[in-house]
Amino acid sequence: MVHISKDHIQNLLVLEHLARLHQLNESIAQYEQRYHSVFAAFEERVNSASEEDMAAWDDYIEWLALEQQRQEILATLQELRNGEFEFA
């Protein structure tokens, strides 16, 4: 029987989430470079535009999803680092 410590599982989960966070940050950086803007400013620009730009709107939806995923990953990382998880 293999014994794996909770600390080892915790470290693996943290590494997995950090890798996903890195991927999200890379994707978000592409939008920031494309629009020379951070998300909040881009969101304001898209929502206040006098004419609809469908390409920008599509990018907004995708960027919003990335930002939401990033926030979820950051919250999960905080819980993992604090040891706030259980084995099923």
PDB file of N, CA and C in Angstrom:
ATOM      1  N   MET A   1       0.845  -1.177   0.000  1.00  0.00           N
ATOM      2  CA  MET A   1       0.000   0.000   0.000  1.00  0.00           C
ATOM      3  C   MET A   1       0.890   1.239   0.000  1.00  0.00           C
ATOM      4  N   VAL A   2       0.526   2.203  -0.797  1.00  0.00           N
ATOM      5  CA  VAL A   2       1.265   3.452  -0.888  1.00  0.00           C
ATOM      6  C   VAL A   2       0.655   4.459   0.079  1.00  0.00           C
ATOM      7  N   HIS A   3       1.503   5.126   0.827  1.00  0.00           N
ATOM      8  CA  HIS A   3       1.051   6.166   1.746  1.00  0.00           C
ATOM      9  C   HIS A   3       1.495   7.516   1.196  1.00  0.00           C
ATOM     10  N   ILE A   4       0.545   8.406   1.074  1.00  0.00           N
ATOM     11  CA  ILE A   4       0.825   9.747   0.567  1.00  0.00           C
ATOM     12  C   ILE A   4       0.360  10.734   1.626  1.00  0.00           C
ATOM     13  N   SER A   5       1.228  11.635   1.988  1.00  0.00           N
ATOM     14  CA  SER A   5       0.884  12.594   3.039  1.00  0.00           C
ATOM     15  C   SER A   5      -0.036  13.693   2.503  1.00  0.00           C
ATOM     16  N   LYS A   6      -0.765  14.291   3.422  1.00  0.00           N
ATOM     17  CA  LYS A   6      -1.640  15.410   3.066  1.00  0.00           C
ATOM     18  C   LYS A   6      -0.803  16.561   2.511  1.00  0.00           C
ATOM     19  N   ASP A   7       0.388  16.776   3.055  1.00  0.00           N
ATOM     20  CA  ASP A   7       1.270  17.836   2.560  1.00  0.00           C
ATOM     21  C   ASP A   7       1.670  17.596   1.108  1.00  0.00           C
ATOM     22  N   HIS A   8       1.925  16.346   0.780  1.00  0.00           N
ATOM     23  CA  HIS A   8       2.299  16.013  -0.588  1.00  0.00           C
ATOM     24  C   HIS A   8       1.128  16.284  -1.544  1.00  0.00           C
ATOM     25  N   ILE A   9      -0.048  15.872  -1.167  1.00  0.00           N
ATOM     26  CA  ILE A   9      -1.250  16.126  -1.965  1.00  0.00           C
ATOM     27  C   ILE A   9      -1.464  17.628  -2.102  1.00  0.00           C
ATOM     28  N   GLN A  10      -1.296  18.342  -1.005  1.00  0.00           N
ATOM     29  CA  GLN A  10      -1.464  19.791  -1.019  1.00  0.00           C
ATOM     30  C   GLN A  10      -0.490  20.430  -2.007  1.00  0.00           C
ATOM     31  N   ASN A  11       0.767  20.019  -1.976  1.00  0.00           N
ATOM     32  CA  ASN A  11       1.763  20.576  -2.891  1.00  0.00           C
ATOM     33  C   ASN A  11       1.430  20.274  -4.347  1.00  0.00           C
ATOM     34  N   LEU A  12       0.967  19.064  -4.618  1.00  0.00           N
ATOM     35  CA  LEU A  12       0.593  18.703  -5.983  1.00  0.00           C
ATOM     36  C   LEU A  12      -0.590  19.540  -6.478  1.00  0.00           C
ATOM     37  N   LEU A  13      -1.569  19.718  -5.612  1.00  0.00           N
ATOM     38  CA  LEU A  13      -2.734  20.524  -5.988  1.00  0.00           C
ATOM     39  C   LEU A  13      -2.354  21.988  -6.213  1.00  0.00           C
ATOM     40  N   VAL A  14      -1.485  22.512  -5.372  1.00  0.00           N
ATOM     41  CA  VAL A  14      -1.035  23.893  -5.540  1.00  0.00           C
ATOM     42  C   VAL A  14      -0.301  24.037  -6.869  1.00  0.00           C
ATOM     43  N   LEU A  15       0.587  23.112  -7.171  1.00  0.00           N
ATOM     44  CA  LEU A  15       1.317  23.163  -8.440  1.00  0.00           C
ATOM     45  C   LEU A  15       0.383  23.074  -9.637  1.00  0.00           C
ATOM     46  N   GLU A  16      -0.603  22.212  -9.553  1.00  0.00           N
ATOM     47  CA  GLU A  16      -1.579  22.078 -10.638  1.00  0.00           C
ATOM     48  C   GLU A  16      -2.331  23.388 -10.861  1.00  0.00           C
ATOM     49  N   HIS A  17      -2.744  24.014  -9.782  1.00  0.00           N
ATOM     50  CA  HIS A  17      -3.483  25.273  -9.897  1.00  0.00           C
ATOM     51  C   HIS A  17      -2.573  26.424 -10.342  1.00  0.00           C
ATOM     52  N   LEU A  18      -1.326  26.406  -9.924  1.00  0.00           N
ATOM     53  CA  LEU A  18      -0.391  27.434 -10.389  1.00  0.00           C
ATOM     54  C   LEU A  18      -0.149  27.307 -11.893  1.00  0.00           C
ATOM     55  N   ALA A  19      -0.080  26.091 -12.393  1.00  0.00           N
ATOM     56  CA  ALA A  19       0.091  25.877 -13.830  1.00  0.00           C
ATOM     57  C   ALA A  19      -1.113  26.419 -14.592  1.00  0.00           C
ATOM     58  N   ARG A  20      -2.304  26.145 -14.085  1.00  0.00           N
ATOM     59  CA  ARG A  20      -3.522  26.662 -14.731  1.00  0.00           C
ATOM     60  C   ARG A  20      -3.567  28.185 -14.648  1.00  0.00           C
ATOM     61  N   LEU A  21      -3.155  28.740 -13.527  1.00  0.00           N
ATOM     62  CA  LEU A  21      -3.112  30.195 -13.372  1.00  0.00           C
ATOM     63  C   LEU A  21      -2.149  30.809 -14.383  1.00  0.00           C
ATOM     64  N   HIS A  22      -1.026  30.168 -14.585  1.00  0.00           N
ATOM     65  CA  HIS A  22      -0.056  30.658 -15.571  1.00  0.00           C
ATOM     66  C   HIS A  22      -0.675  30.674 -16.971  1.00  0.00           C
ATOM     67  N   GLN A  23      -1.379  29.616 -17.339  1.00  0.00           N
ATOM     68  CA  GLN A  23      -2.042  29.563 -18.638  1.00  0.00           C
ATOM     69  C   GLN A  23      -3.072  30.692 -18.779  1.00  0.00           C
ATOM     70  N   LEU A  24      -3.849  30.898 -17.737  1.00  0.00           N
ATOM     71  CA  LEU A  24      -4.851  31.968 -17.766  1.00  0.00           C
ATOM     72  C   LEU A  24      -4.189  33.328 -17.901  1.00  0.00           C
ATOM     73  N   ASN A  25      -3.118  33.547 -17.150  1.00  0.00           N
ATOM     74  CA  ASN A  25      -2.420  34.827 -17.217  1.00  0.00           C
ATOM     75  C   ASN A  25      -1.844  35.076 -18.605  1.00  0.00           C
ATOM     76  N   GLU A  26      -1.350  34.030 -19.258  1.00  0.00           N
ATOM     77  CA  GLU A  26      -0.830  34.161 -20.621  1.00  0.00           C
ATOM     78  C   GLU A  26      -1.953  34.552 -21.584  1.00  0.00           C
ATOM     79  N   SER A  27      -3.093  33.923 -21.455  1.00  0.00           N
ATOM     80  CA  SER A  27      -4.236  34.239 -22.319  1.00  0.00           C
ATOM     81  C   SER A  27      -4.725  35.661 -22.070  1.00  0.00           C
ATOM     82  N   ILE A  28      -4.789  36.053 -20.822  1.00  0.00           N
ATOM     83  CA  ILE A  28      -5.220  37.409 -20.473  1.00  0.00           C
ATOM     84  C   ILE A  28      -4.225  38.436 -21.007  1.00  0.00           C
ATOM     85  N   ALA A  29      -2.950  38.138 -20.924  1.00  0.00           N
ATOM     86  CA  ALA A  29      -1.914  39.057 -21.422  1.00  0.00           C
ATOM     87  C   ALA A  29      -2.074  39.305 -22.919  1.00  0.00           C
ATOM     88  N   GLN A  30      -2.517  38.298 -23.657  1.00  0.00           N
ATOM     89  CA  GLN A  30      -2.735  38.481 -25.093  1.00  0.00           C
ATOM     90  C   GLN A  30      -3.834  39.512 -25.349  1.00  0.00           C
ATOM     91  N   TYR A  31      -4.904  39.455 -24.567  1.00  0.00           N
ATOM     92  CA  TYR A  31      -5.968  40.453 -24.706  1.00  0.00           C
ATOM     93  C   TYR A  31      -5.478  41.831 -24.275  1.00  0.00           C
ATOM     94  N   GLU A  32      -4.708  41.896 -23.201  1.00  0.00           N
ATOM     95  CA  GLU A  32      -4.181  43.181 -22.735  1.00  0.00           C
ATOM     96  C   GLU A  32      -3.289  43.817 -23.800  1.00  0.00           C
ATOM     97  N   GLN A  33      -2.499  43.005 -24.470  1.00  0.00           N
ATOM     98  CA  GLN A  33      -1.633  43.517 -25.532  1.00  0.00           C
ATOM     99  C   GLN A  33      -2.446  43.932 -26.753  1.00  0.00           C
ATOM    100  N   ARG A  34      -3.432  43.124 -27.122  1.00  0.00           N
ATOM    101  CA  ARG A  34      -4.256  43.417 -28.298  1.00  0.00           C
ATOM    102  C   ARG A  34      -4.992  44.741 -28.133  1.00  0.00           C
ATOM    103  N   TYR A  35      -5.518  44.981 -26.944  1.00  0.00           N
ATOM    104  CA  TYR A  35      -6.336  46.174 -26.712  1.00  0.00           C
ATOM    105  C   TYR A  35      -5.604  47.270 -25.933  1.00  0.00           C
ATOM    106  N   HIS A  36      -4.343  47.041 -25.598  1.00  0.00           N
ATOM    107  CA  HIS A  36      -3.549  48.015 -24.836  1.00  0.00           C
ATOM    108  C   HIS A  36      -4.344  48.506 -23.632  1.00  0.00           C
ATOM    109  N   SER A  37      -4.863  47.546 -22.881  1.00  0.00           N
ATOM    110  CA  SER A  37      -5.781  47.889 -21.804  1.00  0.00           C
ATOM    111  C   SER A  37      -5.857  46.736 -20.808  1.00  0.00           C
ATOM    112  N   VAL A  38      -6.243  47.079 -19.592  1.00  0.00           N
ATOM    113  CA  VAL A  38      -6.610  46.058 -18.612  1.00  0.00           C
ATOM    114  C   VAL A  38      -8.092  45.769 -18.795  1.00  0.00           C
ATOM    115  N   PHE A  39      -8.562  44.693 -18.183  1.00  0.00           N
ATOM    116  CA  PHE A  39      -9.932  44.254 -18.416  1.00  0.00           C
ATOM    117  C   PHE A  39     -10.964  45.308 -18.039  1.00  0.00           C
ATOM    118  N   ALA A  40     -10.832  45.921 -16.886  1.00  0.00           N
ATOM    119  CA  ALA A  40     -11.853  46.885 -16.417  1.00  0.00           C
ATOM    120  C   ALA A  40     -12.027  48.025 -17.411  1.00  0.00           C
ATOM    121  N   ALA A  41     -10.931  48.541 -17.942  1.00  0.00           N
ATOM    122  CA  ALA A  41     -11.012  49.640 -18.916  1.00  0.00           C
ATOM    123  C   ALA A  41     -11.625  49.157 -20.228  1.00  0.00           C
ATOM    124  N   PHE A  42     -11.248  47.957 -20.646  1.00  0.00           N
ATOM    125  CA  PHE A  42     -11.812  47.401 -21.873  1.00  0.00           C
ATOM    126  C   PHE A  42     -13.307  47.159 -21.718  1.00  0.00           C
ATOM    127  N   GLU A  43     -13.704  46.638 -20.567  1.00  0.00           N
ATOM    128  CA  GLU A  43     -15.118  46.395 -20.294  1.00  0.00           C
ATOM    129  C   GLU A  43     -15.915  47.691 -20.376  1.00  0.00           C
ATOM    130  N   GLU A  44     -15.379  48.739 -19.793  1.00  0.00           N
ATOM    131  CA  GLU A  44     -16.045  50.048 -19.839  1.00  0.00           C
ATOM    132  C   GLU A  44     -16.173  50.532 -21.282  1.00  0.00           C
ATOM    133  N   ARG A  45     -15.114  50.361 -22.044  1.00  0.00           N
ATOM    134  CA  ARG A  45     -15.119  50.811 -23.439  1.00  0.00           C
ATOM    135  C   ARG A  45     -16.157  50.032 -24.250  1.00  0.00           C
ATOM    136  N   VAL A  46     -16.225  48.725 -24.068  1.00  0.00           N
ATOM    137  CA  VAL A  46     -17.184  47.904 -24.822  1.00  0.00           C
ATOM    138  C   VAL A  46     -18.615  48.263 -24.421  1.00  0.00           C
ATOM    139  N   ASN A  47     -18.851  48.426 -23.137  1.00  0.00           N
ATOM    140  CA  ASN A  47     -20.210  48.703 -22.659  1.00  0.00           C
ATOM    141  C   ASN A  47     -20.681  50.115 -22.977  1.00  0.00           C
ATOM    142  N   SER A  48     -19.767  51.041 -23.188  1.00  0.00           N
ATOM    143  CA  SER A  48     -20.177  52.423 -23.458  1.00  0.00           C
ATOM    144  C   SER A  48     -20.013  52.817 -24.918  1.00  0.00           C
ATOM    145  N   ALA A  49     -19.633  51.879 -25.771  1.00  0.00           N
ATOM    146  CA  ALA A  49     -19.440  52.188 -27.193  1.00  0.00           C
ATOM    147  C   ALA A  49     -20.769  52.589 -27.830  1.00  0.00           C
ATOM    148  N   SER A  50     -20.707  53.596 -28.707  1.00  0.00           N
ATOM    149  CA  SER A  50     -21.928  54.057 -29.374  1.00  0.00           C
ATOM    150  C   SER A  50     -22.379  53.075 -30.457  1.00  0.00           C
ATOM    151  N   GLU A  51     -21.426  52.354 -31.039  1.00  0.00           N
ATOM    152  CA  GLU A  51     -21.748  51.337 -32.036  1.00  0.00           C
ATOM    153  C   GLU A  51     -21.199  49.994 -31.566  1.00  0.00           C
ATOM    154  N   GLU A  52     -21.960  48.936 -31.840  1.00  0.00           N
ATOM    155  CA  GLU A  52     -21.536  47.610 -31.427  1.00  0.00           C
ATOM    156  C   GLU A  52     -20.420  47.103 -32.320  1.00  0.00           C
ATOM    157  N   ASP A  53     -19.366  46.631 -31.689  1.00  0.00           N
ATOM    158  CA  ASP A  53     -18.246  45.997 -32.389  1.00  0.00           C
ATOM    159  C   ASP A  53     -18.287  44.530 -32.006  1.00  0.00           C
ATOM    160  N   MET A  54     -18.779  43.702 -32.916  1.00  0.00           N
ATOM    161  CA  MET A  54     -19.000  42.287 -32.590  1.00  0.00           C
ATOM    162  C   MET A  54     -17.700  41.565 -32.250  1.00  0.00           C
ATOM    163  N   ALA A  55     -16.614  41.908 -32.915  1.00  0.00           N
ATOM    164  CA  ALA A  55     -15.328  41.266 -32.607  1.00  0.00           C
ATOM    165  C   ALA A  55     -14.892  41.623 -31.188  1.00  0.00           C
ATOM    166  N   ALA A  56     -15.027  42.900 -30.824  1.00  0.00           N
ATOM    167  CA  ALA A  56     -14.666  43.331 -29.473  1.00  0.00           C
ATOM    168  C   ALA A  56     -15.605  42.689 -28.454  1.00  0.00           C
ATOM    169  N   TRP A  57     -16.881  42.579 -28.797  1.00  0.00           N
ATOM    170  CA  TRP A  57     -17.843  41.959 -27.887  1.00  0.00           C
ATOM    171  C   TRP A  57     -17.493  40.492 -27.657  1.00  0.00           C
ATOM    172  N   ASP A  58     -17.145  39.776 -28.719  1.00  0.00           N
ATOM    173  CA  ASP A  58     -16.733  38.371 -28.582  1.00  0.00           C
ATOM    174  C   ASP A  58     -15.499  38.252 -27.694  1.00  0.00           C
ATOM    175  N   ASP A  59     -14.532  39.150 -27.919  1.00  0.00           N
ATOM    176  CA  ASP A  59     -13.324  39.147 -27.085  1.00  0.00           C
ATOM    177  C   ASP A  59     -13.662  39.468 -25.637  1.00  0.00           C
ATOM    178  N   TYR A  60     -14.619  40.370 -25.445  1.00  0.00           N
ATOM    179  CA  TYR A  60     -15.045  40.726 -24.086  1.00  0.00           C
ATOM    180  C   TYR A  60     -15.585  39.497 -23.358  1.00  0.00           C
ATOM    181  N   ILE A  61     -16.434  38.733 -24.027  1.00  0.00           N
ATOM    182  CA  ILE A  61     -17.031  37.543 -23.410  1.00  0.00           C
ATOM    183  C   ILE A  61     -15.939  36.535 -23.037  1.00  0.00           C
ATOM    184  N   GLU A  62     -14.999  36.312 -23.940  1.00  0.00           N
ATOM    185  CA  GLU A  62     -13.914  35.367 -23.673  1.00  0.00           C
ATOM    186  C   GLU A  62     -13.003  35.877 -22.556  1.00  0.00           C
ATOM    187  N   TRP A  63     -12.681  37.154 -22.596  1.00  0.00           N
ATOM    188  CA  TRP A  63     -11.806  37.754 -21.585  1.00  0.00           C
ATOM    189  C   TRP A  63     -12.484  37.707 -20.224  1.00  0.00           C
ATOM    190  N   LEU A  64     -13.772  38.005 -20.183  1.00  0.00           N
ATOM    191  CA  LEU A  64     -14.531  37.940 -18.933  1.00  0.00           C
ATOM    192  C   LEU A  64     -14.452  36.535 -18.330  1.00  0.00           C
ATOM    193  N   ALA A  65     -14.621  35.521 -19.168  1.00  0.00           N
ATOM    194  CA  ALA A  65     -14.549  34.139 -18.682  1.00  0.00           C
ATOM    195  C   ALA A  65     -13.160  33.837 -18.120  1.00  0.00           C
ATOM    196  N   LEU A  66     -12.117  34.312 -18.780  1.00  0.00           N
ATOM    197  CA  LEU A  66     -10.754  34.111 -18.288  1.00  0.00           C
ATOM    198  C   LEU A  66     -10.546  34.794 -16.941  1.00  0.00           C
ATOM    199  N   GLU A  67     -11.053  36.014 -16.814  1.00  0.00           N
ATOM    200  CA  GLU A  67     -10.920  36.750 -15.553  1.00  0.00           C
ATOM    201  C   GLU A  67     -11.653  36.027 -14.421  1.00  0.00           C
ATOM    202  N   GLN A  68     -12.831  35.501 -14.722  1.00  0.00           N
ATOM    203  CA  GLN A  68     -13.592  34.775 -13.707  1.00  0.00           C
ATOM    204  C   GLN A  68     -12.877  33.494 -13.302  1.00  0.00           C
ATOM    205  N   GLN A  69     -12.328  32.789 -14.278  1.00  0.00           N
ATOM    206  CA  GLN A  69     -11.574  31.574 -13.976  1.00  0.00           C
ATOM    207  C   GLN A  69     -10.354  31.896 -13.119  1.00  0.00           C
ATOM    208  N   ARG A  70      -9.696  33.016 -13.440  1.00  0.00           N
ATOM    209  CA  ARG A  70      -8.519  33.409 -12.666  1.00  0.00           C
ATOM    210  C   ARG A  70      -8.897  33.669 -11.214  1.00  0.00           C
ATOM    211  N   GLN A  71     -10.004  34.349 -10.981  1.00  0.00           N
ATOM    212  CA  GLN A  71     -10.442  34.624  -9.616  1.00  0.00           C
ATOM    213  C   GLN A  71     -10.767  33.333  -8.867  1.00  0.00           C
ATOM    214  N   GLU A  72     -11.388  32.372  -9.566  1.00  0.00           N
ATOM    215  CA  GLU A  72     -11.696  31.090  -8.941  1.00  0.00           C
ATOM    216  C   GLU A  72     -10.416  30.334  -8.576  1.00  0.00           C
ATOM    217  N   ILE A  73      -9.444  30.348  -9.481  1.00  0.00           N
ATOM    218  CA  ILE A  73      -8.168  29.668  -9.222  1.00  0.00           C
ATOM    219  C   ILE A  73      -7.455  30.325  -8.050  1.00  0.00           C
ATOM    220  N   LEU A  74      -7.453  31.647  -8.005  1.00  0.00           N
ATOM    221  CA  LEU A  74      -6.796  32.358  -6.900  1.00  0.00           C
ATOM    222  C   LEU A  74      -7.458  32.016  -5.564  1.00  0.00           C
ATOM    223  N   ALA A  75      -8.783  31.945  -5.555  1.00  0.00           N
ATOM    224  CA  ALA A  75      -9.502  31.588  -4.322  1.00  0.00           C
ATOM    225  C   ALA A  75      -9.174  30.156  -3.904  1.00  0.00           C
ATOM    226  N   THR A  76      -9.141  29.254  -4.869  1.00  0.00           N
ATOM    227  CA  THR A  76      -8.820  27.858  -4.567  1.00  0.00           C
ATOM    228  C   THR A  76      -7.389  27.736  -4.055  1.00  0.00           C
ATOM    229  N   LEU A  77      -6.467  28.461  -4.676  1.00  0.00           N
ATOM    230  CA  LEU A  77      -5.078  28.437  -4.217  1.00  0.00           C
ATOM    231  C   LEU A  77      -4.966  28.905  -2.776  1.00  0.00           C
ATOM    232  N   GLN A  78      -5.701  29.934  -2.431  1.00  0.00           N
ATOM    233  CA  GLN A  78      -5.675  30.442  -1.055  1.00  0.00           C
ATOM    234  C   GLN A  78      -6.162  29.372  -0.087  1.00  0.00           C
ATOM    235  N   GLU A  79      -7.241  28.693  -0.457  1.00  0.00           N
ATOM    236  CA  GLU A  79      -7.768  27.627   0.397  1.00  0.00           C
ATOM    237  C   GLU A  79      -6.778  26.480   0.517  1.00  0.00           C
ATOM    238  N   LEU A  80      -6.164  26.102  -0.593  1.00  0.00           N
ATOM    239  CA  LEU A  80      -5.183  25.016  -0.560  1.00  0.00           C
ATOM    240  C   LEU A  80      -3.995  25.382   0.318  1.00  0.00           C
ATOM    241  N   ARG A  81      -3.500  26.595   0.160  1.00  0.00           N
ATOM    242  CA  ARG A  81      -2.338  27.023   0.942  1.00  0.00           C
ATOM    243  C   ARG A  81      -2.649  27.092   2.429  1.00  0.00           C
ATOM    244  N   ASN A  82      -3.909  27.359   2.750  1.00  0.00           N
ATOM    245  CA  ASN A  82      -4.332  27.406   4.142  1.00  0.00           C
ATOM    246  C   ASN A  82      -4.699  26.022   4.671  1.00  0.00           C
ATOM    247  N   GLY A  83      -4.594  25.004   3.831  1.00  0.00           N
ATOM    248  CA  GLY A  83      -4.939  23.645   4.252  1.00  0.00           C
ATOM    249  C   GLY A  83      -6.427  23.411   4.356  1.00  0.00           C
ATOM    250  N   GLU A  84      -7.220  24.240   3.683  1.00  0.00           N
ATOM    251  CA  GLU A  84      -8.681  24.137   3.758  1.00  0.00           C
ATOM    252  C   GLU A  84      -9.204  23.204   2.668  1.00  0.00           C
ATOM    253  N   PHE A  85      -8.890  21.922   2.796  1.00  0.00           N
ATOM    254  CA  PHE A  85      -9.412  20.935   1.879  1.00  0.00           C
ATOM    255  C   PHE A  85      -9.493  19.597   2.597  1.00  0.00           C
ATOM    256  N   GLU A  86     -10.352  18.741   2.047  1.00  0.00           N
ATOM    257  CA  GLU A  86     -10.542  17.411   2.623  1.00  0.00           C
ATOM    258  C   GLU A  86     -10.430  16.377   1.522  1.00  0.00           C
ATOM    259  N   PHE A  87     -10.086  15.177   1.908  1.00  0.00           N
ATOM    260  CA  PHE A  87     -10.067  14.054   0.982  1.00  0.00           C
ATOM    261  C   PHE A  87     -11.468  13.483   0.877  1.00  0.00           C
ATOM    262  N   ALA A  88     -11.838  13.098  -0.320  1.00  0.00           N
ATOM    263  CA  ALA A  88     -13.176  12.514  -0.509  1.00  0.00           C
ATOM    264  C   ALA A  88     -13.144  11.028  -0.253  1.00  0.00           C
TER     265      ALA A  88
END
